[in-house]
Amino acid sequence: MSKKNKPFQPLGINALFGEEELGQETDITPHYVPIELILLPPSQPRRYFDPQKMAQLTDSIRVDGILQPLVVRLHPLKTGYYELVFGERRYRGAKKAELTQVPIIVKELSDQQAQRLALIENLHREDLNPVEEVEGILQLLSLGLNKSVEQVISDLHYLKNKKENKVTDNVIRNEVESTILQIFNKLGQNWYSFTCNRLQLLNLPDDLLTALREGQIAYTKVKTIAKLKNLDERQAILSEAIAQQWSQREIAEKVKEILAKTAEKKRYQPTPPRQLDDLNRRIKKAKLWEKKEVWKKIKTRLKYIEELLDSLEDETEIMSQESSS
């Protein structure tokens, strides 16, 4: 395989950040501690765990135990406890397998270092889905730039406009650009492609984001379904696409068909006189007066219309008299 076509291999954690940023082991040799002494941090980069894969991992841990130690740090608020840095799947699997003790490696980490390490570990998962990838990269940039995610997104759009010669340059933005480029280079990704394509993913409706986050459907398929703005239509296609495992082509055809019907409905908007003429024609064609029960219902509704017309005529007459007096 040529170097040009060689698939991207994610860099290790040490390549992404220097050793001084990742902290030092306080305990070099893994050792076992009671699992109840390990607590999850307030926020974790990973939100969804595939139930089937978690069940498989739990079975494996139940038989073989945890083969790779969990990375933890001393808990910043609770003496005698540890805070999990990464290895949440193994931690959850161990709890479900009812292990009482688990192997750990303790690192000396600040809050920011722990956050960064957890994000990087999450971004290197094999089963990482596009939503988690985008959110993880944005959070990593947020830490690197010391800005909110919203500000990071704004900076990315600014750099995109700068590249496309839509804005002028400035010194402060140059420093931001340098940091952004450095992080993307270490991740082995292109910031411009990320900004133009991946960022749009976060604008998807919640129902599509959830399906994507849970790995139920591919991103390219979701983008096609997102063309449907009607919630009921979109959810119906989404459910069918997942259940029937439709291909990209099948989904595109279904969406195109629905959009065509919607466009046709919008084009055909009869005027009130045309609508009344059509209704009168259909009544005469069906000879509804010959169907006693049906005609009885129609007469009831016709009576209501006649009363409405009488009321409107009375109002018109009164207004006419008042204007002439």
C-alpha atoms as a PDB file:
ATOM      1  CA  MET A   1       0.000   0.000   0.000  1.00  0.00           C
ATOM      2  CA  SER A   2       1.412   3.416  -0.930  1.00  0.00           C
ATOM      3  CA  LYS A   3       2.043   6.024   1.713  1.00  0.00           C
ATOM      4  CA  LYS A   4      -0.598   8.273   0.152  1.00  0.00           C
ATOM      5  CA  ASN A   5      -3.327   5.644   0.539  1.00  0.00           C
ATOM      6  CA  LYS A   6      -2.267   4.418   3.950  1.00  0.00           C
ATOM      7  CA  PRO A   7      -5.199   4.688   6.379  1.00  0.00           C
ATOM      8  CA  PHE A   8      -4.925   7.217   9.167  1.00  0.00           C
ATOM      9  CA  GLN A   9      -3.646   5.780  12.435  1.00  0.00           C
ATOM     10  CA  PRO A  10      -4.629   7.928  15.461  1.00  0.00           C
ATOM     11  CA  LEU A  11      -1.699   9.276  17.414  1.00  0.00           C
ATOM     12  CA  GLY A  12      -1.177   8.034  20.917  1.00  0.00           C
ATOM     13  CA  ILE A  13      -1.996  10.198  23.897  1.00  0.00           C
ATOM     14  CA  ASN A  14       1.643  11.028  24.522  1.00  0.00           C
ATOM     15  CA  ALA A  15       1.975  12.272  20.934  1.00  0.00           C
ATOM     16  CA  LEU A  16      -1.017  14.574  21.322  1.00  0.00           C
ATOM     17  CA  PHE A  17       0.221  16.207  24.507  1.00  0.00           C
ATOM     18  CA  GLY A  18       3.579  16.223  26.194  1.00  0.00           C
ATOM     19  CA  GLU A  19       4.278  14.120  29.250  1.00  0.00           C
ATOM     20  CA  GLU A  20       4.242  17.248  31.427  1.00  0.00           C
ATOM     21  CA  GLU A  21       0.641  17.886  30.406  1.00  0.00           C
ATOM     22  CA  LEU A  22      -0.506  14.345  31.110  1.00  0.00           C
ATOM     23  CA  GLY A  23       0.754  14.176  34.659  1.00  0.00           C
ATOM     24  CA  GLN A  24       2.912  11.574  36.354  1.00  0.00           C
ATOM     25  CA  GLU A  25       2.020   8.218  37.845  1.00  0.00           C
ATOM     26  CA  THR A  26       2.001   8.322  41.644  1.00  0.00           C
ATOM     27  CA  ASP A  27       1.699   4.514  41.527  1.00  0.00           C
ATOM     28  CA  ILE A  28       3.640   3.043  38.603  1.00  0.00           C
ATOM     29  CA  THR A  29       2.597  -0.554  39.296  1.00  0.00           C
ATOM     30  CA  PRO A  30      -1.119  -1.284  38.884  1.00  0.00           C
ATOM     31  CA  HIS A  31      -2.801  -2.341  42.105  1.00  0.00           C
ATOM     32  CA  TYR A  32      -6.282  -3.318  43.182  1.00  0.00           C
ATOM     33  CA  VAL A  33      -8.690  -1.125  45.138  1.00  0.00           C
ATOM     34  CA  PRO A  34     -12.345  -1.565  46.170  1.00  0.00           C
ATOM     35  CA  ILE A  35     -14.530  -0.441  43.257  1.00  0.00           C
ATOM     36  CA  GLU A  36     -16.710   1.665  45.568  1.00  0.00           C
ATOM     37  CA  LEU A  37     -13.728   3.965  46.155  1.00  0.00           C
ATOM     38  CA  ILE A  38     -13.752   5.007  42.474  1.00  0.00           C
ATOM     39  CA  LEU A  39     -16.181   7.817  41.548  1.00  0.00           C
ATOM     40  CA  LEU A  40     -17.117   9.185  38.139  1.00  0.00           C
ATOM     41  CA  PRO A  41     -16.235  12.832  37.384  1.00  0.00           C
ATOM     42  CA  PRO A  42     -19.036  15.431  37.166  1.00  0.00           C
ATOM     43  CA  SER A  43     -18.944  15.390  33.352  1.00  0.00           C
ATOM     44  CA  GLN A  44     -17.925  12.583  31.044  1.00  0.00           C
ATOM     45  CA  PRO A  45     -17.273  12.946  27.294  1.00  0.00           C
ATOM     46  CA  ARG A  46     -19.040   9.668  26.540  1.00  0.00           C
ATOM     47  CA  ARG A  47     -22.848   9.614  26.855  1.00  0.00           C
ATOM     48  CA  TYR A  48     -23.994   6.474  25.066  1.00  0.00           C
ATOM     49  CA  PHE A  49     -22.971   2.881  25.648  1.00  0.00           C
ATOM     50  CA  ASP A  50     -24.227   0.215  23.278  1.00  0.00           C
ATOM     51  CA  PRO A  51     -26.233  -2.253  25.449  1.00  0.00           C
ATOM     52  CA  GLN A  52     -25.197  -5.309  23.424  1.00  0.00           C
ATOM     53  CA  LYS A  53     -21.491  -4.464  23.500  1.00  0.00           C
ATOM     54  CA  MET A  54     -21.711  -3.611  27.208  1.00  0.00           C
ATOM     55  CA  ALA A  55     -23.289  -7.013  27.870  1.00  0.00           C
ATOM     56  CA  GLN A  56     -20.440  -8.724  25.984  1.00  0.00           C
ATOM     57  CA  LEU A  57     -17.825  -6.742  27.919  1.00  0.00           C
ATOM     58  CA  THR A  58     -19.528  -7.564  31.211  1.00  0.00           C
ATOM     59  CA  ASP A  59     -19.462 -11.293  30.395  1.00  0.00           C
ATOM     60  CA  SER A  60     -15.776 -11.034  29.474  1.00  0.00           C
ATOM     61  CA  ILE A  61     -14.936  -9.217  32.722  1.00  0.00           C
ATOM     62  CA  ARG A  62     -16.933 -11.731  34.727  1.00  0.00           C
ATOM     63  CA  VAL A  63     -14.770 -14.538  33.284  1.00  0.00           C
ATOM     64  CA  ASP A  64     -11.345 -12.907  32.866  1.00  0.00           C
ATOM     65  CA  GLY A  65     -11.530  -9.791  35.026  1.00  0.00           C
ATOM     66  CA  ILE A  66     -10.246  -6.377  33.895  1.00  0.00           C
ATOM     67  CA  LEU A  67      -7.156  -6.890  31.744  1.00  0.00           C
ATOM     68  CA  GLN A  68      -6.226  -3.203  31.372  1.00  0.00           C
ATOM     69  CA  PRO A  69      -6.100  -1.058  34.543  1.00  0.00           C
ATOM     70  CA  LEU A  70      -8.371   1.950  34.956  1.00  0.00           C
ATOM     71  CA  VAL A  71      -6.600   5.301  34.994  1.00  0.00           C
ATOM     72  CA  VAL A  72      -7.611   7.415  37.992  1.00  0.00           C
ATOM     73  CA  ARG A  73      -6.458  10.363  40.032  1.00  0.00           C
ATOM     74  CA  LEU A  74      -6.871  11.139  43.714  1.00  0.00           C
ATOM     75  CA  HIS A  75     -10.327  12.604  44.167  1.00  0.00           C
ATOM     76  CA  PRO A  76     -10.016  16.410  44.494  1.00  0.00           C
ATOM     77  CA  LEU A  77     -12.830  16.672  47.065  1.00  0.00           C
ATOM     78  CA  LYS A  78     -13.151  13.308  48.847  1.00  0.00           C
ATOM     79  CA  THR A  79     -10.164  12.032  50.790  1.00  0.00           C
ATOM     80  CA  GLY A  80      -9.509   8.343  50.331  1.00  0.00           C
ATOM     81  CA  TYR A  81     -11.437   8.176  47.058  1.00  0.00           C
ATOM     82  CA  TYR A  82     -10.349   8.170  43.419  1.00  0.00           C
ATOM     83  CA  GLU A  83     -11.834   9.912  40.380  1.00  0.00           C
ATOM     84  CA  LEU A  84     -11.994   7.948  37.127  1.00  0.00           C
ATOM     85  CA  VAL A  85     -10.040   9.566  34.293  1.00  0.00           C
ATOM     86  CA  PHE A  86     -10.613   6.969  31.601  1.00  0.00           C
ATOM     87  CA  GLY A  87     -11.818   3.416  31.307  1.00  0.00           C
ATOM     88  CA  GLU A  88     -15.501   4.095  31.924  1.00  0.00           C
ATOM     89  CA  ARG A  89     -16.683   1.075  29.868  1.00  0.00           C
ATOM     90  CA  ARG A  90     -14.492  -1.242  31.922  1.00  0.00           C
ATOM     91  CA  TYR A  91     -15.641   0.473  35.115  1.00  0.00           C
ATOM     92  CA  ARG A  92     -19.330   0.055  34.232  1.00  0.00           C
ATOM     93  CA  GLY A  93     -18.745  -3.523  33.094  1.00  0.00           C
ATOM     94  CA  ALA A  94     -16.971  -4.326  36.362  1.00  0.00           C
ATOM     95  CA  LYS A  95     -19.887  -2.956  38.380  1.00  0.00           C
ATOM     96  CA  LYS A  96     -22.380  -5.007  36.371  1.00  0.00           C
ATOM     97  CA  ALA A  97     -20.169  -8.069  36.781  1.00  0.00           C
ATOM     98  CA  GLU A  98     -20.255  -7.324  40.541  1.00  0.00           C
ATOM     99  CA  LEU A  99     -16.488  -7.168  40.933  1.00  0.00           C
ATOM    100  CA  THR A 100     -15.485  -5.921  44.356  1.00  0.00           C
ATOM    101  CA  GLN A 101     -11.966  -4.803  43.367  1.00  0.00           C
ATOM    102  CA  VAL A 102     -10.455  -3.422  40.156  1.00  0.00           C
ATOM    103  CA  PRO A 103      -6.882  -2.671  38.995  1.00  0.00           C
ATOM    104  CA  ILE A 104      -5.900   1.014  38.767  1.00  0.00           C
ATOM    105  CA  ILE A 105      -3.014   3.266  37.827  1.00  0.00           C
ATOM    106  CA  VAL A 106      -3.017   6.567  39.692  1.00  0.00           C
ATOM    107  CA  LYS A 107      -1.910   9.733  37.908  1.00  0.00           C
ATOM    108  CA  GLU A 108      -1.240  13.132  39.393  1.00  0.00           C
ATOM    109  CA  LEU A 109      -3.487  15.363  37.298  1.00  0.00           C
ATOM    110  CA  SER A 110      -5.084  18.791  37.495  1.00  0.00           C
ATOM    111  CA  ASP A 111      -8.760  19.221  36.614  1.00  0.00           C
ATOM    112  CA  GLN A 112      -7.851  20.413  33.119  1.00  0.00           C
ATOM    113  CA  GLN A 113      -5.365  17.598  32.541  1.00  0.00           C
ATOM    114  CA  ALA A 114      -7.913  14.990  33.647  1.00  0.00           C
ATOM    115  CA  GLN A 115     -10.534  16.463  31.340  1.00  0.00           C
ATOM    116  CA  ARG A 116      -8.115  16.555  28.421  1.00  0.00           C
ATOM    117  CA  LEU A 117      -6.964  12.985  28.963  1.00  0.00           C
ATOM    118  CA  ALA A 118     -10.571  11.727  29.119  1.00  0.00           C
ATOM    119  CA  LEU A 119     -11.426  13.551  25.896  1.00  0.00           C
ATOM    120  CA  ILE A 120      -8.417  12.200  24.019  1.00  0.00           C
ATOM    121  CA  GLU A 121      -9.070   8.652  25.179  1.00  0.00           C
ATOM    122  CA  ASN A 122     -12.681   8.956  24.053  1.00  0.00           C
ATOM    123  CA  LEU A 123     -11.658  10.303  20.624  1.00  0.00           C
ATOM    124  CA  HIS A 124      -9.499   7.229  20.038  1.00  0.00           C
ATOM    125  CA  ARG A 125     -12.303   4.723  20.511  1.00  0.00           C
ATOM    126  CA  GLU A 126     -12.926   2.368  17.611  1.00  0.00           C
ATOM    127  CA  ASP A 127     -16.720   2.695  17.932  1.00  0.00           C
ATOM    128  CA  LEU A 128     -16.716   6.488  18.140  1.00  0.00           C
ATOM    129  CA  ASN A 129     -19.778   7.908  16.368  1.00  0.00           C
ATOM    130  CA  PRO A 130     -19.785  11.231  14.443  1.00  0.00           C
ATOM    131  CA  VAL A 131     -21.731  13.158  17.103  1.00  0.00           C
ATOM    132  CA  GLU A 132     -19.333  12.175  19.884  1.00  0.00           C
ATOM    133  CA  GLU A 133     -16.385  12.947  17.617  1.00  0.00           C
ATOM    134  CA  VAL A 134     -17.581  16.486  16.846  1.00  0.00           C
ATOM    135  CA  GLU A 135     -18.489  17.209  20.475  1.00  0.00           C
ATOM    136  CA  GLY A 136     -15.192  15.746  21.701  1.00  0.00           C
ATOM    137  CA  ILE A 137     -13.068  17.812  19.313  1.00  0.00           C
ATOM    138  CA  LEU A 138     -14.963  20.981  20.227  1.00  0.00           C
ATOM    139  CA  GLN A 139     -14.418  20.308  23.932  1.00  0.00           C
ATOM    140  CA  LEU A 140     -10.735  19.633  23.318  1.00  0.00           C
ATOM    141  CA  LEU A 141     -10.442  22.947  21.443  1.00  0.00           C
ATOM    142  CA  SER A 142     -12.361  24.627  24.258  1.00  0.00           C
ATOM    143  CA  LEU A 143      -9.730  23.457  26.754  1.00  0.00           C
ATOM    144  CA  GLY A 144      -6.841  24.375  24.463  1.00  0.00           C
ATOM    145  CA  LEU A 145      -8.161  27.877  23.791  1.00  0.00           C
ATOM    146  CA  ASN A 146      -9.670  28.406  27.250  1.00  0.00           C
ATOM    147  CA  LYS A 147     -12.958  29.393  25.628  1.00  0.00           C
ATOM    148  CA  SER A 148     -16.530  28.170  25.600  1.00  0.00           C
ATOM    149  CA  VAL A 149     -17.623  25.726  22.903  1.00  0.00           C
ATOM    150  CA  GLU A 150     -19.783  28.480  21.378  1.00  0.00           C
ATOM    151  CA  GLN A 151     -16.735  30.765  21.110  1.00  0.00           C
ATOM    152  CA  VAL A 152     -14.708  27.943  19.567  1.00  0.00           C
ATOM    153  CA  ILE A 153     -17.379  27.429  16.902  1.00  0.00           C
ATOM    154  CA  SER A 154     -17.317  31.169  16.202  1.00  0.00           C
ATOM    155  CA  ASP A 155     -13.515  31.068  15.823  1.00  0.00           C
ATOM    156  CA  LEU A 156     -13.743  28.138  13.413  1.00  0.00           C
ATOM    157  CA  HIS A 157     -16.260  29.996  11.253  1.00  0.00           C
ATOM    158  CA  TYR A 158     -14.032  33.080  11.321  1.00  0.00           C
ATOM    159  CA  LEU A 159     -11.033  31.072  10.113  1.00  0.00           C
ATOM    160  CA  LYS A 160     -13.185  29.491   7.410  1.00  0.00           C
ATOM    161  CA  ASN A 161     -14.248  32.956   6.197  1.00  0.00           C
ATOM    162  CA  LYS A 162     -10.634  34.109   6.354  1.00  0.00           C
ATOM    163  CA  LYS A 163      -9.533  31.182   4.190  1.00  0.00           C
ATOM    164  CA  GLU A 164     -12.286  32.047   1.714  1.00  0.00           C
ATOM    165  CA  ASN A 165     -11.174  35.729   1.726  1.00  0.00           C
ATOM    166  CA  LYS A 166     -14.407  36.933   3.328  1.00  0.00           C
ATOM    167  CA  VAL A 167     -12.809  38.681   6.333  1.00  0.00           C
ATOM    168  CA  THR A 168      -9.601  40.555   7.054  1.00  0.00           C
ATOM    169  CA  ASP A 169      -6.806  39.188   9.216  1.00  0.00           C
ATOM    170  CA  ASN A 170      -5.904  40.246  12.774  1.00  0.00           C
ATOM    171  CA  VAL A 171      -3.106  39.368  15.227  1.00  0.00           C
ATOM    172  CA  ILE A 172      -5.298  37.925  17.991  1.00  0.00           C
ATOM    173  CA  ARG A 173      -7.057  35.594  15.594  1.00  0.00           C
ATOM    174  CA  ASN A 174      -3.657  34.465  14.282  1.00  0.00           C
ATOM    175  CA  GLU A 175      -2.775  33.145  17.751  1.00  0.00           C
ATOM    176  CA  VAL A 176      -6.115  31.342  17.928  1.00  0.00           C
ATOM    177  CA  GLU A 177      -5.542  29.886  14.478  1.00  0.00           C
ATOM    178  CA  SER A 178      -2.131  28.576  15.506  1.00  0.00           C
ATOM    179  CA  THR A 179      -3.600  26.699  18.478  1.00  0.00           C
ATOM    180  CA  ILE A 180      -6.475  25.303  16.414  1.00  0.00           C
ATOM    181  CA  LEU A 181      -4.129  24.094  13.678  1.00  0.00           C
ATOM    182  CA  GLN A 182      -1.813  22.493  16.229  1.00  0.00           C
ATOM    183  CA  ILE A 183      -4.636  20.496  17.851  1.00  0.00           C
ATOM    184  CA  PHE A 184      -6.127  19.378  14.535  1.00  0.00           C
ATOM    185  CA  ASN A 185      -2.704  18.374  13.222  1.00  0.00           C
ATOM    186  CA  LYS A 186      -2.094  16.229  16.304  1.00  0.00           C
ATOM    187  CA  LEU A 187      -5.500  14.618  15.849  1.00  0.00           C
ATOM    188  CA  GLY A 188      -4.688  13.943  12.199  1.00  0.00           C
ATOM    189  CA  GLN A 189      -7.726  15.876  10.976  1.00  0.00           C
ATOM    190  CA  ASN A 190      -8.349  18.844   8.682  1.00  0.00           C
ATOM    191  CA  TRP A 191      -9.887  21.819  10.474  1.00  0.00           C
ATOM    192  CA  TYR A 192     -11.418  23.281   7.294  1.00  0.00           C
ATOM    193  CA  SER A 193     -13.198  20.063   6.365  1.00  0.00           C
ATOM    194  CA  PHE A 194     -14.367  19.714   9.966  1.00  0.00           C
ATOM    195  CA  THR A 195     -15.806  23.255   9.937  1.00  0.00           C
ATOM    196  CA  CYS A 196     -17.478  22.963   6.536  1.00  0.00           C
ATOM    197  CA  ASN A 197     -18.940  19.499   6.996  1.00  0.00           C
ATOM    198  CA  ARG A 198     -18.869  18.058  10.495  1.00  0.00           C
ATOM    199  CA  LEU A 199     -20.035  21.152  12.378  1.00  0.00           C
ATOM    200  CA  GLN A 200     -23.313  21.110  10.448  1.00  0.00           C
ATOM    201  CA  LEU A 201     -24.085  17.820  12.140  1.00  0.00           C
ATOM    202  CA  LEU A 202     -24.945  19.666  15.368  1.00  0.00           C
ATOM    203  CA  ASN A 203     -27.760  21.485  13.536  1.00  0.00           C
ATOM    204  CA  LEU A 204     -29.628  18.218  12.944  1.00  0.00           C
ATOM    205  CA  PRO A 205     -32.994  17.729  14.702  1.00  0.00           C
ATOM    206  CA  ASP A 206     -32.806  15.996  18.089  1.00  0.00           C
ATOM    207  CA  ASP A 207     -34.463  12.792  16.872  1.00  0.00           C
ATOM    208  CA  LEU A 208     -31.789  12.330  14.199  1.00  0.00           C
ATOM    209  CA  LEU A 209     -28.950  13.263  16.569  1.00  0.00           C
ATOM    210  CA  THR A 210     -30.134  10.646  19.060  1.00  0.00           C
ATOM    211  CA  ALA A 211     -30.262   7.911  16.394  1.00  0.00           C
ATOM    212  CA  LEU A 212     -26.800   8.912  15.195  1.00  0.00           C
ATOM    213  CA  ARG A 213     -25.369   9.063  18.720  1.00  0.00           C
ATOM    214  CA  GLU A 214     -26.677   5.562  19.432  1.00  0.00           C
ATOM    215  CA  GLY A 215     -25.096   4.195  16.265  1.00  0.00           C
ATOM    216  CA  GLN A 216     -28.430   3.173  14.750  1.00  0.00           C
ATOM    217  CA  ILE A 217     -27.787   4.789  11.367  1.00  0.00           C
ATOM    218  CA  ALA A 218     -24.961   6.294   9.308  1.00  0.00           C
ATOM    219  CA  TYR A 219     -24.347  10.046   9.101  1.00  0.00           C
ATOM    220  CA  THR A 220     -24.782  10.189   5.301  1.00  0.00           C
ATOM    221  CA  LYS A 221     -28.231   8.586   5.627  1.00  0.00           C
ATOM    222  CA  VAL A 222     -29.219  10.972   8.409  1.00  0.00           C
ATOM    223  CA  LYS A 223     -28.261  13.973   6.256  1.00  0.00           C
ATOM    224  CA  THR A 224     -30.682  12.767   3.572  1.00  0.00           C
ATOM    225  CA  ILE A 225     -33.529  12.181   6.048  1.00  0.00           C
ATOM    226  CA  ALA A 226     -32.924  15.665   7.496  1.00  0.00           C
ATOM    227  CA  LYS A 227     -34.341  17.135   4.267  1.00  0.00           C
ATOM    228  CA  LEU A 228     -37.782  16.233   5.631  1.00  0.00           C
ATOM    229  CA  LYS A 229     -38.914  19.120   7.818  1.00  0.00           C
ATOM    230  CA  ASN A 230     -42.184  17.508   8.883  1.00  0.00           C
ATOM    231  CA  LEU A 231     -41.544  15.690  12.179  1.00  0.00           C
ATOM    232  CA  ASP A 232     -43.996  12.820  11.567  1.00  0.00           C
ATOM    233  CA  GLU A 233     -42.706  12.163   8.047  1.00  0.00           C
ATOM    234  CA  ARG A 234     -39.102  12.312   9.202  1.00  0.00           C
ATOM    235  CA  GLN A 235     -39.593   9.951  12.139  1.00  0.00           C
ATOM    236  CA  ALA A 236     -41.543   7.484  10.001  1.00  0.00           C
ATOM    237  CA  ILE A 237     -38.720   7.310   7.439  1.00  0.00           C
ATOM    238  CA  LEU A 238     -36.085   7.131  10.181  1.00  0.00           C
ATOM    239  CA  SER A 239     -37.826   4.211  11.901  1.00  0.00           C
ATOM    240  CA  GLU A 240     -38.275   2.326   8.639  1.00  0.00           C
ATOM    241  CA  ALA A 241     -34.712   3.002   7.508  1.00  0.00           C
ATOM    242  CA  ILE A 242     -33.346   1.570  10.766  1.00  0.00           C
ATOM    243  CA  ALA A 243     -35.744  -1.387  10.937  1.00  0.00           C
ATOM    244  CA  GLN A 244     -35.379  -2.367   7.275  1.00  0.00           C
ATOM    245  CA  GLN A 245     -31.695  -1.386   7.030  1.00  0.00           C
ATOM    246  CA  TRP A 246     -32.366   0.680   3.937  1.00  0.00           C
ATOM    247  CA  SER A 247     -29.441   1.642   1.744  1.00  0.00           C
ATOM    248  CA  GLN A 248     -28.518   5.249   1.024  1.00  0.00           C
ATOM    249  CA  ARG A 249     -30.217   4.952  -2.363  1.00  0.00           C
ATOM    250  CA  GLU A 250     -33.463   3.589  -0.904  1.00  0.00           C
ATOM    251  CA  ILE A 251     -33.620   6.388   1.644  1.00  0.00           C
ATOM    252  CA  ALA A 252     -32.927   9.021  -1.026  1.00  0.00           C
ATOM    253  CA  GLU A 253     -35.757   7.652  -3.178  1.00  0.00           C
ATOM    254  CA  LYS A 254     -38.245   7.641  -0.291  1.00  0.00           C
ATOM    255  CA  VAL A 255     -37.315  11.186   0.725  1.00  0.00           C
ATOM    256  CA  LYS A 256     -37.524  12.394  -2.868  1.00  0.00           C
ATOM    257  CA  GLU A 257     -40.990  10.865  -3.202  1.00  0.00           C
ATOM    258  CA  ILE A 258     -42.267  12.577  -0.052  1.00  0.00           C
ATOM    259  CA  LEU A 259     -40.766  15.937  -1.029  1.00  0.00           C
ATOM    260  CA  ALA A 260     -42.397  15.663  -4.473  1.00  0.00           C
ATOM    261  CA  LYS A 261     -45.818  15.022  -2.914  1.00  0.00           C
ATOM    262  CA  THR A 262     -45.383  17.962  -0.553  1.00  0.00           C
ATOM    263  CA  ALA A 263     -44.434  20.237  -3.453  1.00  0.00           C
ATOM    264  CA  GLU A 264     -47.465  19.055  -5.418  1.00  0.00           C
ATOM    265  CA  LYS A 265     -49.785  19.832  -2.518  1.00  0.00           C
ATOM    266  CA  LYS A 266     -48.349  23.321  -2.251  1.00  0.00           C
ATOM    267  CA  ARG A 267     -48.855  23.916  -5.975  1.00  0.00           C
ATOM    268  CA  TYR A 268     -52.497  22.841  -5.840  1.00  0.00           C
ATOM    269  CA  GLN A 269     -54.213  25.372  -3.612  1.00  0.00           C
ATOM    270  CA  PRO A 270     -57.689  25.949  -5.079  1.00  0.00           C
ATOM    271  CA  THR A 271     -59.374  29.315  -4.589  1.00  0.00           C
ATOM    272  CA  PRO A 272     -62.594  29.358  -2.498  1.00  0.00           C
ATOM    273  CA  PRO A 273     -64.870  29.638  -5.594  1.00  0.00           C
ATOM    274  CA  ARG A 274     -63.000  26.730  -7.238  1.00  0.00           C
ATOM    275  CA  GLN A 275     -63.299  24.698  -4.040  1.00  0.00           C
ATOM    276  CA  LEU A 276     -67.075  25.309  -3.872  1.00  0.00           C
ATOM    277  CA  ASP A 277     -67.514  24.411  -7.543  1.00  0.00           C
ATOM    278  CA  ASP A 278     -65.556  21.172  -7.013  1.00  0.00           C
ATOM    279  CA  LEU A 279     -67.663  20.310  -3.981  1.00  0.00           C
ATOM    280  CA  ASN A 280     -70.917  20.960  -5.840  1.00  0.00           C
ATOM    281  CA  ARG A 281     -69.735  18.839  -8.762  1.00  0.00           C
ATOM    282  CA  ARG A 282     -68.815  15.918  -6.502  1.00  0.00           C
ATOM    283  CA  ILE A 283     -72.187  16.037  -4.695  1.00  0.00           C
ATOM    284  CA  LYS A 284     -74.087  15.990  -7.985  1.00  0.00           C
ATOM    285  CA  LYS A 285     -71.918  13.226  -9.406  1.00  0.00           C
ATOM    286  CA  ALA A 286     -72.445  11.007  -6.357  1.00  0.00           C
ATOM    287  CA  LYS A 287     -76.226  11.890  -6.227  1.00  0.00           C
ATOM    288  CA  LEU A 288     -76.014  12.063  -2.469  1.00  0.00           C
ATOM    289  CA  TRP A 289     -79.697  13.079  -2.172  1.00  0.00           C
ATOM    290  CA  GLU A 290     -80.579   9.536  -3.160  1.00  0.00           C
ATOM    291  CA  LYS A 291     -78.755   8.172  -0.079  1.00  0.00           C
ATOM    292  CA  LYS A 292     -81.145   9.042   2.751  1.00  0.00           C
ATOM    293  CA  GLU A 293     -78.817   8.700   5.750  1.00  0.00           C
ATOM    294  CA  VAL A 294     -75.974  10.558   4.035  1.00  0.00           C
ATOM    295  CA  TRP A 295     -78.268  13.292   2.738  1.00  0.00           C
ATOM    296  CA  LYS A 296     -79.718  13.737   6.222  1.00  0.00           C
ATOM    297  CA  LYS A 297     -76.229  14.550   7.542  1.00  0.00           C
ATOM    298  CA  ILE A 298     -75.549  16.885   4.632  1.00  0.00           C
ATOM    299  CA  LYS A 299     -78.852  18.728   5.186  1.00  0.00           C
ATOM    300  CA  THR A 300     -77.833  19.357   8.807  1.00  0.00           C
ATOM    301  CA  ARG A 301     -74.591  20.960   7.655  1.00  0.00           C
ATOM    302  CA  LEU A 302     -76.347  22.900   4.879  1.00  0.00           C
ATOM    303  CA  LYS A 303     -78.733  24.314   7.458  1.00  0.00           C
ATOM    304  CA  TYR A 304     -75.779  25.564   9.470  1.00  0.00           C
ATOM    305  CA  ILE A 305     -74.321  27.239   6.365  1.00  0.00           C
ATOM    306  CA  GLU A 306     -77.700  28.867   5.564  1.00  0.00           C
ATOM    307  CA  GLU A 307     -77.926  30.256   9.116  1.00  0.00           C
ATOM    308  CA  LEU A 308     -74.396  31.602   8.801  1.00  0.00           C
ATOM    309  CA  LEU A 309     -75.276  33.288   5.505  1.00  0.00           C
ATOM    310  CA  ASP A 310     -78.467  34.800   6.993  1.00  0.00           C
ATOM    311  CA  SER A 311     -76.439  36.197   9.873  1.00  0.00           C
ATOM    312  CA  LEU A 312     -73.878  37.743   7.519  1.00  0.00           C
ATOM    313  CA  GLU A 313     -76.620  39.261   5.340  1.00  0.00           C
ATOM    314  CA  ASP A 314     -78.278  40.810   8.408  1.00  0.00           C
ATOM    315  CA  GLU A 315     -74.971  42.326   9.517  1.00  0.00           C
ATOM    316  CA  THR A 316     -74.390  43.744   6.024  1.00  0.00           C
ATOM    317  CA  GLU A 317     -77.874  45.287   5.948  1.00  0.00           C
ATOM    318  CA  ILE A 318     -77.442  46.915   9.373  1.00  0.00           C
ATOM    319  CA  MET A 319     -74.050  48.366   8.399  1.00  0.00           C
ATOM    320  CA  SER A 320     -75.561  49.714   5.174  1.00  0.00           C
ATOM    321  CA  GLN A 321     -78.406  51.436   7.053  1.00  0.00           C
ATOM    322  CA  GLU A 322     -75.998  52.972   9.561  1.00  0.00           C
ATOM    323  CA  SER A 323     -73.765  54.358   6.826  1.00  0.00           C
ATOM    324  CA  SER A 324     -76.687  55.951   4.946  1.00  0.00           C
ATOM    325  CA  SER A 325     -78.189  57.630   8.042  1.00  0.00           C
END
